[in-house]
């Protein structure tokens, strides 16, 4: 078996106006929230990390995520 790849993610500031957020989020109270420009840039990096960087580093190895 190949060695596992460890992905560590932390300090996401979820729920903050400066935190990671998808382009649009539905609020519990109804309505929607649109990500600001900083959040949009963070989201773009997040998607690239999981969509490109992690699969490239992982190959066929098991993935362990520490959050």
PDB file of N, CA and C in Angstrom:
ATOM      1  N   UNK A   1       0.835  -1.184   0.000  1.00  0.00           N
ATOM      2  CA  UNK A   1       0.000   0.000   0.000  1.00  0.00           C
ATOM      3  C   UNK A   1       0.882   1.250   0.000  1.00  0.00           C
ATOM      4  N   UNK A   2       0.488   2.252  -0.764  1.00  0.00           N
ATOM      5  CA  UNK A   2       1.215   3.517  -0.794  1.00  0.00           C
ATOM      6  C   UNK A   2       1.027   4.262   0.521  1.00  0.00           C
ATOM      7  N   UNK A   3       1.966   5.157   0.795  1.00  0.00           N
ATOM      8  CA  UNK A   3       1.800   6.029   1.948  1.00  0.00           C
ATOM      9  C   UNK A   3       0.609   6.942   1.713  1.00  0.00           C
ATOM     10  N   UNK A   4      -0.072   7.291   2.780  1.00  0.00           N
ATOM     11  CA  UNK A   4      -1.217   8.196   2.678  1.00  0.00           C
ATOM     12  C   UNK A   4      -0.732   9.630   2.497  1.00  0.00           C
ATOM     13  N   UNK A   5      -1.556  10.433   1.868  1.00  0.00           N
ATOM     14  CA  UNK A   5      -1.306  11.864   1.726  1.00  0.00           C
ATOM     15  C   UNK A   5      -2.169  12.573   2.762  1.00  0.00           C
ATOM     16  N   UNK A   6      -1.569  13.480   3.517  1.00  0.00           N
ATOM     17  CA  UNK A   6      -2.266  14.219   4.557  1.00  0.00           C
ATOM     18  C   UNK A   6      -2.543  15.633   4.071  1.00  0.00           C
ATOM     19  N   UNK A   7      -3.809  16.028   4.073  1.00  0.00           N
ATOM     20  CA  UNK A   7      -4.196  17.403   3.752  1.00  0.00           C
ATOM     21  C   UNK A   7      -4.685  18.048   5.043  1.00  0.00           C
ATOM     22  N   UNK A   8      -4.039  19.126   5.450  1.00  0.00           N
ATOM     23  CA  UNK A   8      -4.406  19.827   6.678  1.00  0.00           C
ATOM     24  C   UNK A   8      -5.020  21.165   6.295  1.00  0.00           C
ATOM     25  N   UNK A   9      -6.242  21.386   6.741  1.00  0.00           N
ATOM     26  CA  UNK A   9      -6.909  22.669   6.505  1.00  0.00           C
ATOM     27  C   UNK A   9      -7.348  23.216   7.855  1.00  0.00           C
ATOM     28  N   UNK A  10      -7.158  24.508   8.058  1.00  0.00           N
ATOM     29  CA  UNK A  10      -7.490  25.097   9.351  1.00  0.00           C
ATOM     30  C   UNK A  10      -7.758  26.587   9.199  1.00  0.00           C
ATOM     31  N   UNK A  11      -8.313  27.145  10.232  1.00  0.00           N
ATOM     32  CA  UNK A  11      -8.520  28.590  10.320  1.00  0.00           C
ATOM     33  C   UNK A  11      -9.344  29.112   9.145  1.00  0.00           C
ATOM     34  N   UNK A  12     -10.464  28.447   8.860  1.00  0.00           N
ATOM     35  CA  UNK A  12     -11.291  28.803   7.706  1.00  0.00           C
ATOM     36  C   UNK A  12     -12.190  30.013   7.968  1.00  0.00           C
ATOM     37  N   UNK A  13     -12.339  30.415   9.219  1.00  0.00           N
ATOM     38  CA  UNK A  13     -13.177  31.556   9.599  1.00  0.00           C
ATOM     39  C   UNK A  13     -14.603  31.422   9.067  1.00  0.00           C
ATOM     40  N   UNK A  14     -15.132  30.209   9.094  1.00  0.00           N
ATOM     41  CA  UNK A  14     -16.489  29.974   8.603  1.00  0.00           C
ATOM     42  C   UNK A  14     -17.471  30.839   9.390  1.00  0.00           C
ATOM     43  N   UNK A  15     -18.361  31.513   8.683  1.00  0.00           N
ATOM     44  CA  UNK A  15     -19.338  32.394   9.311  1.00  0.00           C
ATOM     45  C   UNK A  15     -18.876  33.837   9.414  1.00  0.00           C
ATOM     46  N   UNK A  16     -17.641  34.105   9.037  1.00  0.00           N
ATOM     47  CA  UNK A  16     -17.098  35.459   9.072  1.00  0.00           C
ATOM     48  C   UNK A  16     -17.177  36.094   7.686  1.00  0.00           C
ATOM     49  N   UNK A  17     -17.254  37.412   7.647  1.00  0.00           N
ATOM     50  CA  UNK A  17     -17.255  38.104   6.354  1.00  0.00           C
ATOM     51  C   UNK A  17     -15.907  38.005   5.654  1.00  0.00           C
ATOM     52  N   UNK A  18     -14.891  37.532   6.374  1.00  0.00           N
ATOM     53  CA  UNK A  18     -13.570  37.342   5.770  1.00  0.00           C
ATOM     54  C   UNK A  18     -13.238  35.860   5.634  1.00  0.00           C
ATOM     55  N   UNK A  19     -14.227  35.006   5.832  1.00  0.00           N
ATOM     56  CA  UNK A  19     -13.990  33.571   5.814  1.00  0.00           C
ATOM     57  C   UNK A  19     -14.353  32.912   4.503  1.00  0.00           C
ATOM     58  N   UNK A  20     -14.020  31.645   4.415  1.00  0.00           N
ATOM     59  CA  UNK A  20     -14.318  30.836   3.240  1.00  0.00           C
ATOM     60  C   UNK A  20     -15.828  30.737   3.052  1.00  0.00           C
ATOM     61  N   UNK A  21     -16.287  30.991   1.835  1.00  0.00           N
ATOM     62  CA  UNK A  21     -17.717  30.984   1.536  1.00  0.00           C
ATOM     63  C   UNK A  21     -17.902  30.702   0.051  1.00  0.00           C
ATOM     64  N   UNK A  22     -18.887  29.865  -0.297  1.00  0.00           N
ATOM     65  CA  UNK A  22     -19.164  29.676  -1.723  1.00  0.00           C
ATOM     66  C   UNK A  22     -19.688  30.983  -2.320  1.00  0.00           C
ATOM     67  N   UNK A  23     -19.724  31.105  -3.631  1.00  0.00           N
ATOM     68  CA  UNK A  23     -20.176  32.348  -4.261  1.00  0.00           C
ATOM     69  C   UNK A  23     -21.547  32.820  -3.771  1.00  0.00           C
ATOM     70  N   UNK A  24     -22.424  31.877  -3.465  1.00  0.00           N
ATOM     71  CA  UNK A  24     -23.742  32.239  -2.941  1.00  0.00           C
ATOM     72  C   UNK A  24     -24.145  31.192  -1.915  1.00  0.00           C
ATOM     73  N   UNK A  25     -24.679  31.642  -0.789  1.00  0.00           N
ATOM     74  CA  UNK A  25     -25.100  30.725   0.272  1.00  0.00           C
ATOM     75  C   UNK A  25     -26.512  31.074   0.709  1.00  0.00           C
ATOM     76  N   UNK A  26     -27.314  30.040   0.935  1.00  0.00           N
ATOM     77  CA  UNK A  26     -28.671  30.241   1.437  1.00  0.00           C
ATOM     78  C   UNK A  26     -28.603  30.348   2.957  1.00  0.00           C
ATOM     79  N   UNK A  27     -29.247  31.369   3.501  1.00  0.00           N
ATOM     80  CA  UNK A  27     -29.224  31.605   4.938  1.00  0.00           C
ATOM     81  C   UNK A  27     -30.314  30.800   5.635  1.00  0.00           C
ATOM     82  N   UNK A  28     -30.068  30.402   6.879  1.00  0.00           N
ATOM     83  CA  UNK A  28     -31.064  29.660   7.658  1.00  0.00           C
ATOM     84  C   UNK A  28     -32.348  30.467   7.823  1.00  0.00           C
ATOM     85  N   UNK A  29     -32.210  31.771   7.927  1.00  0.00           N
ATOM     86  CA  UNK A  29     -33.359  32.644   8.142  1.00  0.00           C
ATOM     87  C   UNK A  29     -34.081  33.002   6.851  1.00  0.00           C
ATOM     88  N   UNK A  30     -33.629  32.429   5.744  1.00  0.00           N
ATOM     89  CA  UNK A  30     -34.190  32.769   4.440  1.00  0.00           C
ATOM     90  C   UNK A  30     -33.292  33.779   3.754  1.00  0.00           C
ATOM     91  N   UNK A  31     -33.464  33.944   2.485  1.00  0.00           N
ATOM     92  CA  UNK A  31     -32.621  34.860   1.747  1.00  0.00           C
ATOM     93  C   UNK A  31     -31.297  34.210   1.382  1.00  0.00           C
ATOM     94  N   UNK A  32     -30.452  35.013   0.772  1.00  0.00           N
ATOM     95  CA  UNK A  32     -29.166  34.502   0.303  1.00  0.00           C
ATOM     96  C   UNK A  32     -28.062  35.482   0.649  1.00  0.00           C
ATOM     97  N   UNK A  33     -26.854  34.944   0.726  1.00  0.00           N
ATOM     98  CA  UNK A  33     -25.672  35.761   0.956  1.00  0.00           C
ATOM     99  C   UNK A  33     -24.754  35.584  -0.231  1.00  0.00           C
ATOM    100  N   UNK A  34     -24.279  36.685  -0.791  1.00  0.00           N
ATOM    101  CA  UNK A  34     -23.326  36.643  -1.901  1.00  0.00           C
ATOM    102  C   UNK A  34     -21.934  36.947  -1.354  1.00  0.00           C
ATOM    103  N   UNK A  35     -20.979  36.116  -1.705  1.00  0.00           N
ATOM    104  CA  UNK A  35     -19.604  36.285  -1.233  1.00  0.00           C
ATOM    105  C   UNK A  35     -19.015  37.603  -1.733  1.00  0.00           C
ATOM    106  N   UNK A  36     -18.212  38.245  -0.876  1.00  0.00           N
ATOM    107  CA  UNK A  36     -17.527  39.468  -1.294  1.00  0.00           C
ATOM    108  C   UNK A  36     -16.284  39.101  -2.111  1.00  0.00           C
ATOM    109  N   UNK A  37     -15.558  40.089  -2.572  1.00  0.00           N
ATOM    110  CA  UNK A  37     -14.425  39.827  -3.467  1.00  0.00           C
ATOM    111  C   UNK A  37     -13.316  39.016  -2.790  1.00  0.00           C
ATOM    112  N   UNK A  38     -13.074  39.248  -1.511  1.00  0.00           N
ATOM    113  CA  UNK A  38     -12.062  38.472  -0.786  1.00  0.00           C
ATOM    114  C   UNK A  38     -12.507  37.016  -0.684  1.00  0.00           C
ATOM    115  N   UNK A  39     -13.769  36.802  -0.334  1.00  0.00           N
ATOM    116  CA  UNK A  39     -14.297  35.442  -0.230  1.00  0.00           C
ATOM    117  C   UNK A  39     -14.298  34.737  -1.581  1.00  0.00           C
ATOM    118  N   UNK A  40     -14.560  35.464  -2.640  1.00  0.00           N
ATOM    119  CA  UNK A  40     -14.529  34.865  -3.977  1.00  0.00           C
ATOM    120  C   UNK A  40     -13.120  34.388  -4.321  1.00  0.00           C
ATOM    121  N   UNK A  41     -12.112  35.180  -3.967  1.00  0.00           N
ATOM    122  CA  UNK A  41     -10.721  34.785  -4.222  1.00  0.00           C
ATOM    123  C   UNK A  41     -10.343  33.568  -3.373  1.00  0.00           C
ATOM    124  N   UNK A  42     -10.756  33.559  -2.105  1.00  0.00           N
ATOM    125  CA  UNK A  42     -10.495  32.403  -1.243  1.00  0.00           C
ATOM    126  C   UNK A  42     -11.172  31.153  -1.792  1.00  0.00           C
ATOM    127  N   UNK A  43     -12.420  31.300  -2.250  1.00  0.00           N
ATOM    128  CA  UNK A  43     -13.168  30.160  -2.792  1.00  0.00           C
ATOM    129  C   UNK A  43     -12.478  29.599  -4.031  1.00  0.00           C
ATOM    130  N   UNK A  44     -11.978  30.494  -4.870  1.00  0.00           N
ATOM    131  CA  UNK A  44     -11.277  30.066  -6.084  1.00  0.00           C
ATOM    132  C   UNK A  44     -10.038  29.237  -5.715  1.00  0.00           C
ATOM    133  N   UNK A  45      -9.285  29.705  -4.726  1.00  0.00           N
ATOM    134  CA  UNK A  45      -8.112  28.961  -4.265  1.00  0.00           C
ATOM    135  C   UNK A  45      -8.486  27.631  -3.630  1.00  0.00           C
ATOM    136  N   UNK A  46      -9.571  27.611  -2.871  1.00  0.00           N
ATOM    137  CA  UNK A  46     -10.064  26.388  -2.226  1.00  0.00           C
ATOM    138  C   UNK A  46     -10.429  25.343  -3.274  1.00  0.00           C
ATOM    139  N   UNK A  47     -11.160  25.774  -4.296  1.00  0.00           N
ATOM    140  CA  UNK A  47     -11.580  24.852  -5.359  1.00  0.00           C
ATOM    141  C   UNK A  47     -10.379  24.327  -6.143  1.00  0.00           C
ATOM    142  N   UNK A  48      -9.397  25.186  -6.376  1.00  0.00           N
ATOM    143  CA  UNK A  48      -8.188  24.746  -7.080  1.00  0.00           C
ATOM    144  C   UNK A  48      -7.399  23.747  -6.230  1.00  0.00           C
ATOM    145  N   UNK A  49      -7.327  24.011  -4.933  1.00  0.00           N
ATOM    146  CA  UNK A  49      -6.619  23.107  -4.019  1.00  0.00           C
ATOM    147  C   UNK A  49      -7.220  21.708  -4.062  1.00  0.00           C
ATOM    148  N   UNK A  50      -8.546  21.611  -3.910  1.00  0.00           N
ATOM    149  CA  UNK A  50      -9.207  20.299  -3.880  1.00  0.00           C
ATOM    150  C   UNK A  50      -9.379  19.688  -5.260  1.00  0.00           C
ATOM    151  N   UNK A  51      -9.543  20.530  -6.278  1.00  0.00           N
ATOM    152  CA  UNK A  51      -9.790  20.011  -7.620  1.00  0.00           C
ATOM    153  C   UNK A  51      -8.539  19.681  -8.414  1.00  0.00           C
ATOM    154  N   UNK A  52      -7.413  20.340  -8.079  1.00  0.00           N
ATOM    155  CA  UNK A  52      -6.187  20.145  -8.860  1.00  0.00           C
ATOM    156  C   UNK A  52      -5.011  19.687  -7.992  1.00  0.00           C
ATOM    157  N   UNK A  53      -4.708  20.463  -6.962  1.00  0.00           N
ATOM    158  CA  UNK A  53      -3.506  20.205  -6.170  1.00  0.00           C
ATOM    159  C   UNK A  53      -3.570  18.889  -5.388  1.00  0.00           C
ATOM    160  N   UNK A  54      -4.673  18.656  -4.695  1.00  0.00           N
ATOM    161  CA  UNK A  54      -4.784  17.425  -3.900  1.00  0.00           C
ATOM    162  C   UNK A  54      -4.756  16.182  -4.790  1.00  0.00           C
ATOM    163  N   UNK A  55      -5.571  16.119  -5.863  1.00  0.00           N
ATOM    164  CA  UNK A  55      -5.500  14.926  -6.712  1.00  0.00           C
ATOM    165  C   UNK A  55      -4.113  14.707  -7.319  1.00  0.00           C
ATOM    166  N   UNK A  56      -3.435  15.798  -7.669  1.00  0.00           N
ATOM    167  CA  UNK A  56      -2.091  15.699  -8.238  1.00  0.00           C
ATOM    168  C   UNK A  56      -1.110  15.129  -7.212  1.00  0.00           C
ATOM    169  N   UNK A  57      -1.186  15.606  -5.978  1.00  0.00           N
ATOM    170  CA  UNK A  57      -0.287  15.131  -4.924  1.00  0.00           C
ATOM    171  C   UNK A  57      -0.646  13.716  -4.484  1.00  0.00           C
ATOM    172  N   UNK A  58      -1.915  13.410  -4.519  1.00  0.00           N
ATOM    173  CA  UNK A  58      -2.401  12.128  -4.010  1.00  0.00           C
ATOM    174  C   UNK A  58      -2.122  10.962  -4.937  1.00  0.00           C
ATOM    175  N   UNK A  59      -2.339  11.147  -6.225  1.00  0.00           N
ATOM    176  CA  UNK A  59      -2.228  10.020  -7.139  1.00  0.00           C
ATOM    177  C   UNK A  59      -3.231   8.955  -6.742  1.00  0.00           C
ATOM    178  N   UNK A  60      -2.755   7.740  -6.503  1.00  0.00           N
ATOM    179  CA  UNK A  60      -3.620   6.641  -6.066  1.00  0.00           C
ATOM    180  C   UNK A  60      -3.515   6.373  -4.569  1.00  0.00           C
ATOM    181  N   UNK A  61      -2.805   7.233  -3.860  1.00  0.00           N
ATOM    182  CA  UNK A  61      -2.614   7.036  -2.425  1.00  0.00           C
ATOM    183  C   UNK A  61      -3.878   7.398  -1.656  1.00  0.00           C
ATOM    184  N   UNK A  62      -4.061   6.781  -0.491  1.00  0.00           N
ATOM    185  CA  UNK A  62      -5.193   7.164   0.359  1.00  0.00           C
ATOM    186  C   UNK A  62      -5.039   8.618   0.810  1.00  0.00           C
ATOM    187  N   UNK A  63      -6.153   9.287   1.035  1.00  0.00           N
ATOM    188  CA  UNK A  63      -6.148  10.680   1.474  1.00  0.00           C
ATOM    189  C   UNK A  63      -6.690  10.764   2.889  1.00  0.00           C
ATOM    190  N   UNK A  64      -5.957  11.469   3.748  1.00  0.00           N
ATOM    191  CA  UNK A  64      -6.400  11.743   5.109  1.00  0.00           C
ATOM    192  C   UNK A  64      -6.542  13.253   5.222  1.00  0.00           C
ATOM    193  N   UNK A  65      -7.707  13.719   5.673  1.00  0.00           N
ATOM    194  CA  UNK A  65      -7.951  15.153   5.822  1.00  0.00           C
ATOM    195  C   UNK A  65      -8.037  15.477   7.307  1.00  0.00           C
ATOM    196  N   UNK A  66      -7.241  16.445   7.738  1.00  0.00           N
ATOM    197  CA  UNK A  66      -7.255  16.921   9.115  1.00  0.00           C
ATOM    198  C   UNK A  66      -7.754  18.352   9.091  1.00  0.00           C
ATOM    199  N   UNK A  67      -8.877  18.586   9.746  1.00  0.00           N
ATOM    200  CA  UNK A  67      -9.458  19.939   9.758  1.00  0.00           C
ATOM    201  C   UNK A  67      -9.609  20.422  11.183  1.00  0.00           C
TER     202      UNK A  67
END
